[in-house]
Amino acid sequence: MSTIKVLGPGCANCKRLTSLTEQALAELGRPEQVEKVTDYAEIAAYGVMSTPALVVDDQVLIAGRIPALSSLKDSLTEQLAAVV
């Protein structure tokens, strides 16, 4: 199973990305849980300069924006299919 993280300080945009990611996973029928990372050192370790960011299996998929649900589902499908 893949590891999915939302990086950010816990702002409204971070919460929105977390919610959208959980919705996308549910619609895709995926069992993964979304982990929230708020530690600035850990966020910086991913090279992320602008939050929120979405990380799947240690690869940054999205940073500094909130994608449309359909775009997020496409990105997750592509990334998660590579792992299976």
PDB file of N, CA and C in Angstrom:
ATOM      1  N   MET A   1       0.846  -1.179   0.000  1.00  0.00           N
ATOM      2  CA  MET A   1       0.000   0.000   0.000  1.00  0.00           C
ATOM      3  C   MET A   1       0.889   1.239   0.000  1.00  0.00           C
ATOM      4  N   SER A   2       0.459   2.247  -0.706  1.00  0.00           N
ATOM      5  CA  SER A   2       1.231   3.475  -0.850  1.00  0.00           C
ATOM      6  C   SER A   2       1.088   4.369   0.380  1.00  0.00           C
ATOM      7  N   THR A   3       2.096   5.211   0.568  1.00  0.00           N
ATOM      8  CA  THR A   3       2.086   6.209   1.629  1.00  0.00           C
ATOM      9  C   THR A   3       1.726   7.551   1.009  1.00  0.00           C
ATOM     10  N   ILE A   4       0.681   8.176   1.536  1.00  0.00           N
ATOM     11  CA  ILE A   4       0.211   9.455   1.003  1.00  0.00           C
ATOM     12  C   ILE A   4       0.253  10.486   2.118  1.00  0.00           C
ATOM     13  N   LYS A   5       0.901  11.631   1.825  1.00  0.00           N
ATOM     14  CA  LYS A   5       1.049  12.687   2.823  1.00  0.00           C
ATOM     15  C   LYS A   5       0.629  14.027   2.241  1.00  0.00           C
ATOM     16  N   VAL A   6      -0.010  14.840   3.080  1.00  0.00           N
ATOM     17  CA  VAL A   6      -0.269  16.228   2.738  1.00  0.00           C
ATOM     18  C   VAL A   6       0.659  17.056   3.624  1.00  0.00           C
ATOM     19  N   LEU A   7       1.490  17.863   2.975  1.00  0.00           N
ATOM     20  CA  LEU A   7       2.448  18.694   3.702  1.00  0.00           C
ATOM     21  C   LEU A   7       1.901  20.103   3.828  1.00  0.00           C
ATOM     22  N   GLY A   8       1.973  20.650   5.030  1.00  0.00           N
ATOM     23  CA  GLY A   8       1.538  22.025   5.260  1.00  0.00           C
ATOM     24  C   GLY A   8       1.318  22.289   6.732  1.00  0.00           C
ATOM     25  N   PRO A   9       1.235  23.571   7.092  1.00  0.00           N
ATOM     26  CA  PRO A   9       1.127  23.950   8.498  1.00  0.00           C
ATOM     27  C   PRO A   9      -0.248  23.727   9.124  1.00  0.00           C
ATOM     28  N   GLY A  10      -1.215  23.291   8.337  1.00  0.00           N
ATOM     29  CA  GLY A  10      -2.556  23.076   8.875  1.00  0.00           C
ATOM     30  C   GLY A  10      -3.511  24.185   8.506  1.00  0.00           C
ATOM     31  N   CYS A  11      -3.157  24.962   7.493  1.00  0.00           N
ATOM     32  CA  CYS A  11      -3.995  26.075   7.044  1.00  0.00           C
ATOM     33  C   CYS A  11      -5.243  25.563   6.323  1.00  0.00           C
ATOM     34  N   ALA A  12      -6.120  26.455   5.953  1.00  0.00           N
ATOM     35  CA  ALA A  12      -7.358  26.082   5.267  1.00  0.00           C
ATOM     36  C   ALA A  12      -7.070  25.349   3.959  1.00  0.00           C
ATOM     37  N   ASN A  13      -6.072  25.792   3.205  1.00  0.00           N
ATOM     38  CA  ASN A  13      -5.735  25.128   1.944  1.00  0.00           C
ATOM     39  C   ASN A  13      -5.210  23.713   2.187  1.00  0.00           C
ATOM     40  N   CYS A  14      -4.458  23.531   3.257  1.00  0.00           N
ATOM     41  CA  CYS A  14      -3.943  22.201   3.593  1.00  0.00           C
ATOM     42  C   CYS A  14      -5.102  21.262   3.930  1.00  0.00           C
ATOM     43  N   LYS A  15      -6.046  21.773   4.692  1.00  0.00           N
ATOM     44  CA  LYS A  15      -7.213  20.976   5.057  1.00  0.00           C
ATOM     45  C   LYS A  15      -8.049  20.654   3.822  1.00  0.00           C
ATOM     46  N   ARG A  16      -8.149  21.598   2.903  1.00  0.00           N
ATOM     47  CA  ARG A  16      -8.905  21.382   1.666  1.00  0.00           C
ATOM     48  C   ARG A  16      -8.245  20.300   0.819  1.00  0.00           C
ATOM     49  N   LEU A  17      -6.904  20.352   0.684  1.00  0.00           N
ATOM     50  CA  LEU A  17      -6.190  19.338  -0.090  1.00  0.00           C
ATOM     51  C   LEU A  17      -6.338  17.963   0.564  1.00  0.00           C
ATOM     52  N   THR A  18      -6.283  17.909   1.885  1.00  0.00           N
ATOM     53  CA  THR A  18      -6.464  16.641   2.604  1.00  0.00           C
ATOM     54  C   THR A  18      -7.847  16.070   2.310  1.00  0.00           C
ATOM     55  N   SER A  19      -8.862  16.896   2.406  1.00  0.00           N
ATOM     56  CA  SER A  19     -10.234  16.475   2.159  1.00  0.00           C
ATOM     57  C   SER A  19     -10.416  16.004   0.713  1.00  0.00           C
ATOM     58  N   LEU A  20      -9.889  16.761  -0.238  1.00  0.00           N
ATOM     59  CA  LEU A  20      -9.984  16.377  -1.648  1.00  0.00           C
ATOM     60  C   LEU A  20      -9.265  15.060  -1.916  1.00  0.00           C
ATOM     61  N   THR A  21      -8.111  14.884  -1.304  1.00  0.00           N
ATOM     62  CA  THR A  21      -7.338  13.651  -1.498  1.00  0.00           C
ATOM     63  C   THR A  21      -8.099  12.460  -0.939  1.00  0.00           C
ATOM     64  N   GLU A  22      -8.685  12.620   0.244  1.00  0.00           N
ATOM     65  CA  GLU A  22      -9.479  11.539   0.834  1.00  0.00           C
ATOM     66  C   GLU A  22     -10.693  11.221  -0.039  1.00  0.00           C
ATOM     67  N   GLN A  23     -11.325  12.257  -0.596  1.00  0.00           N
ATOM     68  CA  GLN A  23     -12.468  12.055  -1.478  1.00  0.00           C
ATOM     69  C   GLN A  23     -12.037  11.317  -2.748  1.00  0.00           C
ATOM     70  N   ALA A  24     -10.912  11.739  -3.331  1.00  0.00           N
ATOM     71  CA  ALA A  24     -10.413  11.098  -4.555  1.00  0.00           C
ATOM     72  C   ALA A  24     -10.095   9.629  -4.297  1.00  0.00           C
ATOM     73  N   LEU A  25      -9.443   9.339  -3.183  1.00  0.00           N
ATOM     74  CA  LEU A  25      -9.108   7.952  -2.853  1.00  0.00           C
ATOM     75  C   LEU A  25     -10.369   7.109  -2.677  1.00  0.00           C
ATOM     76  N   ALA A  26     -11.370   7.675  -2.013  1.00  0.00           N
ATOM     77  CA  ALA A  26     -12.626   6.958  -1.808  1.00  0.00           C
ATOM     78  C   ALA A  26     -13.302   6.670  -3.145  1.00  0.00           C
ATOM     79  N   GLU A  27     -13.323   7.658  -4.033  1.00  0.00           N
ATOM     80  CA  GLU A  27     -13.960   7.475  -5.334  1.00  0.00           C
ATOM     81  C   GLU A  27     -13.194   6.475  -6.202  1.00  0.00           C
ATOM     82  N   LEU A  28     -11.891   6.382  -5.980  1.00  0.00           N
ATOM     83  CA  LEU A  28     -11.071   5.423  -6.724  1.00  0.00           C
ATOM     84  C   LEU A  28     -11.082   4.033  -6.090  1.00  0.00           C
ATOM     85  N   GLY A  29     -11.699   3.928  -4.901  1.00  0.00           N
ATOM     86  CA  GLY A  29     -11.760   2.644  -4.208  1.00  0.00           C
ATOM     87  C   GLY A  29     -10.420   2.230  -3.632  1.00  0.00           C
ATOM     88  N   ARG A  30      -9.601   3.211  -3.269  1.00  0.00           N
ATOM     89  CA  ARG A  30      -8.266   2.933  -2.728  1.00  0.00           C
ATOM     90  C   ARG A  30      -8.304   2.934  -1.195  1.00  0.00           C
ATOM     91  N   PRO A  31      -7.573   2.017  -0.547  1.00  0.00           N
ATOM     92  CA  PRO A  31      -7.602   1.908   0.913  1.00  0.00           C
ATOM     93  C   PRO A  31      -6.628   2.838   1.639  1.00  0.00           C
ATOM     94  N   GLU A  32      -5.782   3.542   0.917  1.00  0.00           N
ATOM     95  CA  GLU A  32      -4.747   4.358   1.564  1.00  0.00           C
ATOM     96  C   GLU A  32      -5.344   5.437   2.462  1.00  0.00           C
ATOM     97  N   GLN A  33      -4.615   5.712   3.532  1.00  0.00           N
ATOM     98  CA  GLN A  33      -4.971   6.787   4.444  1.00  0.00           C
ATOM     99  C   GLN A  33      -4.053   7.978   4.168  1.00  0.00           C
ATOM    100  N   VAL A  34      -4.551   9.173   4.449  1.00  0.00           N
ATOM    101  CA  VAL A  34      -3.779  10.388   4.226  1.00  0.00           C
ATOM    102  C   VAL A  34      -3.152  10.826   5.544  1.00  0.00           C
ATOM    103  N   GLU A  35      -1.842  10.966   5.537  1.00  0.00           N
ATOM    104  CA  GLU A  35      -1.094  11.420   6.707  1.00  0.00           C
ATOM    105  C   GLU A  35      -0.847  12.915   6.558  1.00  0.00           C
ATOM    106  N   LYS A  36      -1.024  13.655   7.643  1.00  0.00           N
ATOM    107  CA  LYS A  36      -0.771  15.102   7.622  1.00  0.00           C
ATOM    108  C   LYS A  36       0.606  15.370   8.219  1.00  0.00           C
ATOM    109  N   VAL A  37       1.415  16.136   7.511  1.00  0.00           N
ATOM    110  CA  VAL A  37       2.757  16.481   7.972  1.00  0.00           C
ATOM    111  C   VAL A  37       2.810  17.990   8.163  1.00  0.00           C
ATOM    112  N   THR A  38       3.010  18.421   9.412  1.00  0.00           N
ATOM    113  CA  THR A  38       3.042  19.849   9.718  1.00  0.00           C
ATOM    114  C   THR A  38       4.419  20.334  10.159  1.00  0.00           C
ATOM    115  N   ASP A  39       5.357  19.414  10.341  1.00  0.00           N
ATOM    116  CA  ASP A  39       6.702  19.776  10.785  1.00  0.00           C
ATOM    117  C   ASP A  39       7.466  20.434   9.645  1.00  0.00           C
ATOM    118  N   TYR A  40       7.916  21.674   9.861  1.00  0.00           N
ATOM    119  CA  TYR A  40       8.579  22.438   8.814  1.00  0.00           C
ATOM    120  C   TYR A  40       9.859  21.769   8.316  1.00  0.00           C
ATOM    121  N   ALA A  41      10.599  21.143   9.204  1.00  0.00           N
ATOM    122  CA  ALA A  41      11.840  20.464   8.798  1.00  0.00           C
ATOM    123  C   ALA A  41      11.530  19.299   7.864  1.00  0.00           C
ATOM    124  N   GLU A  42      10.482  18.544   8.186  1.00  0.00           N
ATOM    125  CA  GLU A  42      10.105  17.418   7.328  1.00  0.00           C
ATOM    126  C   GLU A  42       9.578  17.903   5.975  1.00  0.00           C
ATOM    127  N   ILE A  43       8.812  18.996   5.993  1.00  0.00           N
ATOM    128  CA  ILE A  43       8.308  19.573   4.743  1.00  0.00           C
ATOM    129  C   ILE A  43       9.485  20.032   3.880  1.00  0.00           C
ATOM    130  N   ALA A  44      10.429  20.718   4.487  1.00  0.00           N
ATOM    131  CA  ALA A  44      11.603  21.207   3.761  1.00  0.00           C
ATOM    132  C   ALA A  44      12.442  20.062   3.208  1.00  0.00           C
ATOM    133  N   ALA A  45      12.457  18.927   3.903  1.00  0.00           N
ATOM    134  CA  ALA A  45      13.236  17.775   3.451  1.00  0.00           C
ATOM    135  C   ALA A  45      12.739  17.259   2.102  1.00  0.00           C
ATOM    136  N   TYR A  46      11.483  17.518   1.780  1.00  0.00           N
ATOM    137  CA  TYR A  46      10.939  17.125   0.476  1.00  0.00           C
ATOM    138  C   TYR A  46      11.249  18.155  -0.609  1.00  0.00           C
ATOM    139  N   GLY A  47      11.857  19.275  -0.219  1.00  0.00           N
ATOM    140  CA  GLY A  47      12.175  20.329  -1.184  1.00  0.00           C
ATOM    141  C   GLY A  47      10.984  21.192  -1.526  1.00  0.00           C
ATOM    142  N   VAL A  48       9.951  21.113  -0.726  1.00  0.00           N
ATOM    143  CA  VAL A  48       8.729  21.886  -0.977  1.00  0.00           C
ATOM    144  C   VAL A  48       8.908  23.298  -0.428  1.00  0.00           C
ATOM    145  N   MET A  49       8.713  24.270  -1.310  1.00  0.00           N
ATOM    146  CA  MET A  49       8.856  25.667  -0.904  1.00  0.00           C
ATOM    147  C   MET A  49       7.503  26.341  -0.692  1.00  0.00           C
ATOM    148  N   SER A  50       6.442  25.735  -1.212  1.00  0.00           N
ATOM    149  CA  SER A  50       5.128  26.324  -1.067  1.00  0.00           C
ATOM    150  C   SER A  50       4.106  25.223  -0.812  1.00  0.00           C
ATOM    151  N   THR A  51       3.298  25.448   0.217  1.00  0.00           N
ATOM    152  CA  THR A  51       2.312  24.454   0.619  1.00  0.00           C
ATOM    153  C   THR A  51       0.921  24.929   0.202  1.00  0.00           C
ATOM    154  N   PRO A  52      -0.050  24.053   0.149  1.00  0.00           N
ATOM    155  CA  PRO A  52       0.026  22.645   0.503  1.00  0.00           C
ATOM    156  C   PRO A  52       0.723  21.830  -0.587  1.00  0.00           C
ATOM    157  N   ALA A  53       1.178  20.656  -0.186  1.00  0.00           N
ATOM    158  CA  ALA A  53       1.822  19.752  -1.135  1.00  0.00           C
ATOM    159  C   ALA A  53       1.304  18.341  -0.885  1.00  0.00           C
ATOM    160  N   LEU A  54       1.273  17.553  -1.940  1.00  0.00           N
ATOM    161  CA  LEU A  54       0.836  16.164  -1.852  1.00  0.00           C
ATOM    162  C   LEU A  54       2.003  15.276  -2.237  1.00  0.00           C
ATOM    163  N   VAL A  55       2.315  14.318  -1.363  1.00  0.00           N
ATOM    164  CA  VAL A  55       3.433  13.404  -1.576  1.00  0.00           C
ATOM    165  C   VAL A  55       2.891  11.980  -1.585  1.00  0.00           C
ATOM    166  N   VAL A  56       3.244  11.230  -2.625  1.00  0.00           N
ATOM    167  CA  VAL A  56       2.865   9.823  -2.713  1.00  0.00           C
ATOM    168  C   VAL A  56       4.148   9.014  -2.831  1.00  0.00           C
ATOM    169  N   ASP A  57       4.361   8.127  -1.862  1.00  0.00           N
ATOM    170  CA  ASP A  57       5.564   7.287  -1.839  1.00  0.00           C
ATOM    171  C   ASP A  57       6.832   8.117  -2.012  1.00  0.00           C
ATOM    172  N   ASP A  58       6.930   9.192  -1.237  1.00  0.00           N
ATOM    173  CA  ASP A  58       8.093  10.079  -1.201  1.00  0.00           C
ATOM    174  C   ASP A  58       8.331  10.858  -2.491  1.00  0.00           C
ATOM    175  N   GLN A  59       7.359  10.909  -3.373  1.00  0.00           N
ATOM    176  CA  GLN A  59       7.463  11.716  -4.585  1.00  0.00           C
ATOM    177  C   GLN A  59       6.434  12.840  -4.505  1.00  0.00           C
ATOM    178  N   VAL A  60       6.896  14.079  -4.656  1.00  0.00           N
ATOM    179  CA  VAL A  60       5.997  15.230  -4.612  1.00  0.00           C
ATOM    180  C   VAL A  60       5.194  15.262  -5.909  1.00  0.00           C
ATOM    181  N   LEU A  61       3.862  15.155  -5.782  1.00  0.00           N
ATOM    182  CA  LEU A  61       2.986  15.206  -6.955  1.00  0.00           C
ATOM    183  C   LEU A  61       2.471  16.612  -7.217  1.00  0.00           C
ATOM    184  N   ILE A  62       2.146  17.322  -6.131  1.00  0.00           N
ATOM    185  CA  ILE A  62       1.537  18.642  -6.242  1.00  0.00           C
ATOM    186  C   ILE A  62       2.147  19.522  -5.159  1.00  0.00           C
ATOM    187  N   ALA A  63       2.442  20.771  -5.500  1.00  0.00           N
ATOM    188  CA  ALA A  63       2.947  21.707  -4.495  1.00  0.00           C
ATOM    189  C   ALA A  63       2.429  23.110  -4.796  1.00  0.00           C
ATOM    190  N   GLY A  64       1.981  23.781  -3.742  1.00  0.00           N
ATOM    191  CA  GLY A  64       1.596  25.176  -3.847  1.00  0.00           C
ATOM    192  C   GLY A  64       0.249  25.456  -4.483  1.00  0.00           C
ATOM    193  N   ARG A  65      -0.577  24.419  -4.658  1.00  0.00           N
ATOM    194  CA  ARG A  65      -1.889  24.649  -5.263  1.00  0.00           C
ATOM    195  C   ARG A  65      -2.856  23.539  -4.851  1.00  0.00           C
ATOM    196  N   ILE A  66      -4.123  23.803  -5.122  1.00  0.00           N
ATOM    197  CA  ILE A  66      -5.150  22.798  -4.892  1.00  0.00           C
ATOM    198  C   ILE A  66      -5.723  22.449  -6.253  1.00  0.00           C
ATOM    199  N   PRO A  67      -5.523  21.219  -6.705  1.00  0.00           N
ATOM    200  CA  PRO A  67      -6.010  20.834  -8.034  1.00  0.00           C
ATOM    201  C   PRO A  67      -7.509  20.557  -8.021  1.00  0.00           C
ATOM    202  N   ALA A  68      -8.085  20.508  -9.207  1.00  0.00           N
ATOM    203  CA  ALA A  68      -9.476  20.078  -9.341  1.00  0.00           C
ATOM    204  C   ALA A  68      -9.537  18.593  -8.981  1.00  0.00           C
ATOM    205  N   LEU A  69     -10.672  18.148  -8.504  1.00  0.00           N
ATOM    206  CA  LEU A  69     -10.831  16.754  -8.093  1.00  0.00           C
ATOM    207  C   LEU A  69     -10.484  15.790  -9.234  1.00  0.00           C
ATOM    208  N   SER A  70     -10.943  16.081 -10.435  1.00  0.00           N
ATOM    209  CA  SER A  70     -10.680  15.185 -11.569  1.00  0.00           C
ATOM    210  C   SER A  70      -9.183  15.102 -11.864  1.00  0.00           C
ATOM    211  N   SER A  71      -8.495  16.216 -11.790  1.00  0.00           N
ATOM    212  CA  SER A  71      -7.047  16.235 -12.020  1.00  0.00           C
ATOM    213  C   SER A  71      -6.313  15.467 -10.925  1.00  0.00           C
ATOM    214  N   LEU A  72      -6.765  15.634  -9.694  1.00  0.00           N
ATOM    215  CA  LEU A  72      -6.164  14.927  -8.560  1.00  0.00           C
ATOM    216  C   LEU A  72      -6.358  13.421  -8.717  1.00  0.00           C
ATOM    217  N   LYS A  73      -7.542  13.005  -9.108  1.00  0.00           N
ATOM    218  CA  LYS A  73      -7.812  11.579  -9.313  1.00  0.00           C
ATOM    219  C   LYS A  73      -6.915  11.017 -10.416  1.00  0.00           C
ATOM    220  N   ASP A  74      -6.741  11.776 -11.495  1.00  0.00           N
ATOM    221  CA  ASP A  74      -5.866  11.330 -12.585  1.00  0.00           C
ATOM    222  C   ASP A  74      -4.427  11.163 -12.093  1.00  0.00           C
ATOM    223  N   SER A  75      -3.933  12.140 -11.337  1.00  0.00           N
ATOM    224  CA  SER A  75      -2.554  12.072 -10.820  1.00  0.00           C
ATOM    225  C   SER A  75      -2.380  10.896  -9.878  1.00  0.00           C
ATOM    226  N   LEU A  76      -3.356  10.695  -8.987  1.00  0.00           N
ATOM    227  CA  LEU A  76      -3.275   9.574  -8.046  1.00  0.00           C
ATOM    228  C   LEU A  76      -3.355   8.235  -8.774  1.00  0.00           C
ATOM    229  N   THR A  77      -4.239   8.129  -9.738  1.00  0.00           N
ATOM    230  CA  THR A  77      -4.381   6.884 -10.490  1.00  0.00           C
ATOM    231  C   THR A  77      -3.068   6.537 -11.165  1.00  0.00           C
ATOM    232  N   GLU A  78      -2.450   7.511 -11.813  1.00  0.00           N
ATOM    233  CA  GLU A  78      -1.189   7.291 -12.508  1.00  0.00           C
ATOM    234  C   GLU A  78      -0.083   6.882 -11.537  1.00  0.00           C
ATOM    235  N   GLN A  79       0.031   7.602 -10.422  1.00  0.00           N
ATOM    236  CA  GLN A  79       1.095   7.335  -9.468  1.00  0.00           C
ATOM    237  C   GLN A  79       0.865   6.008  -8.738  1.00  0.00           C
ATOM    238  N   LEU A  80      -0.354   5.721  -8.341  1.00  0.00           N
ATOM    239  CA  LEU A  80      -0.635   4.501  -7.594  1.00  0.00           C
ATOM    240  C   LEU A  80      -0.553   3.272  -8.501  1.00  0.00           C
ATOM    241  N   ALA A  81      -0.857   3.410  -9.780  1.00  0.00           N
ATOM    242  CA  ALA A  81      -0.765   2.301 -10.715  1.00  0.00           C
ATOM    243  C   ALA A  81       0.689   1.881 -10.908  1.00  0.00           C
ATOM    244  N   ALA A  82       1.594   2.846 -10.808  1.00  0.00           N
ATOM    245  CA  ALA A  82       3.014   2.545 -10.965  1.00  0.00           C
ATOM    246  C   ALA A  82       3.544   1.712  -9.809  1.00  0.00           C
ATOM    247  N   VAL A  83       2.861   1.780  -8.662  1.00  0.00           N
ATOM    248  CA  VAL A  83       3.299   1.073  -7.460  1.00  0.00           C
ATOM    249  C   VAL A  83       2.769  -0.360  -7.439  1.00  0.00           C
ATOM    250  N   VAL A  84       1.585  -0.576  -7.951  1.00  0.00           N
ATOM    251  CA  VAL A  84       0.926  -1.882  -7.872  1.00  0.00           C
ATOM    252  C   VAL A  84       1.622  -2.951  -8.619  1.00  0.00           C
TER     253      VAL A  84
END
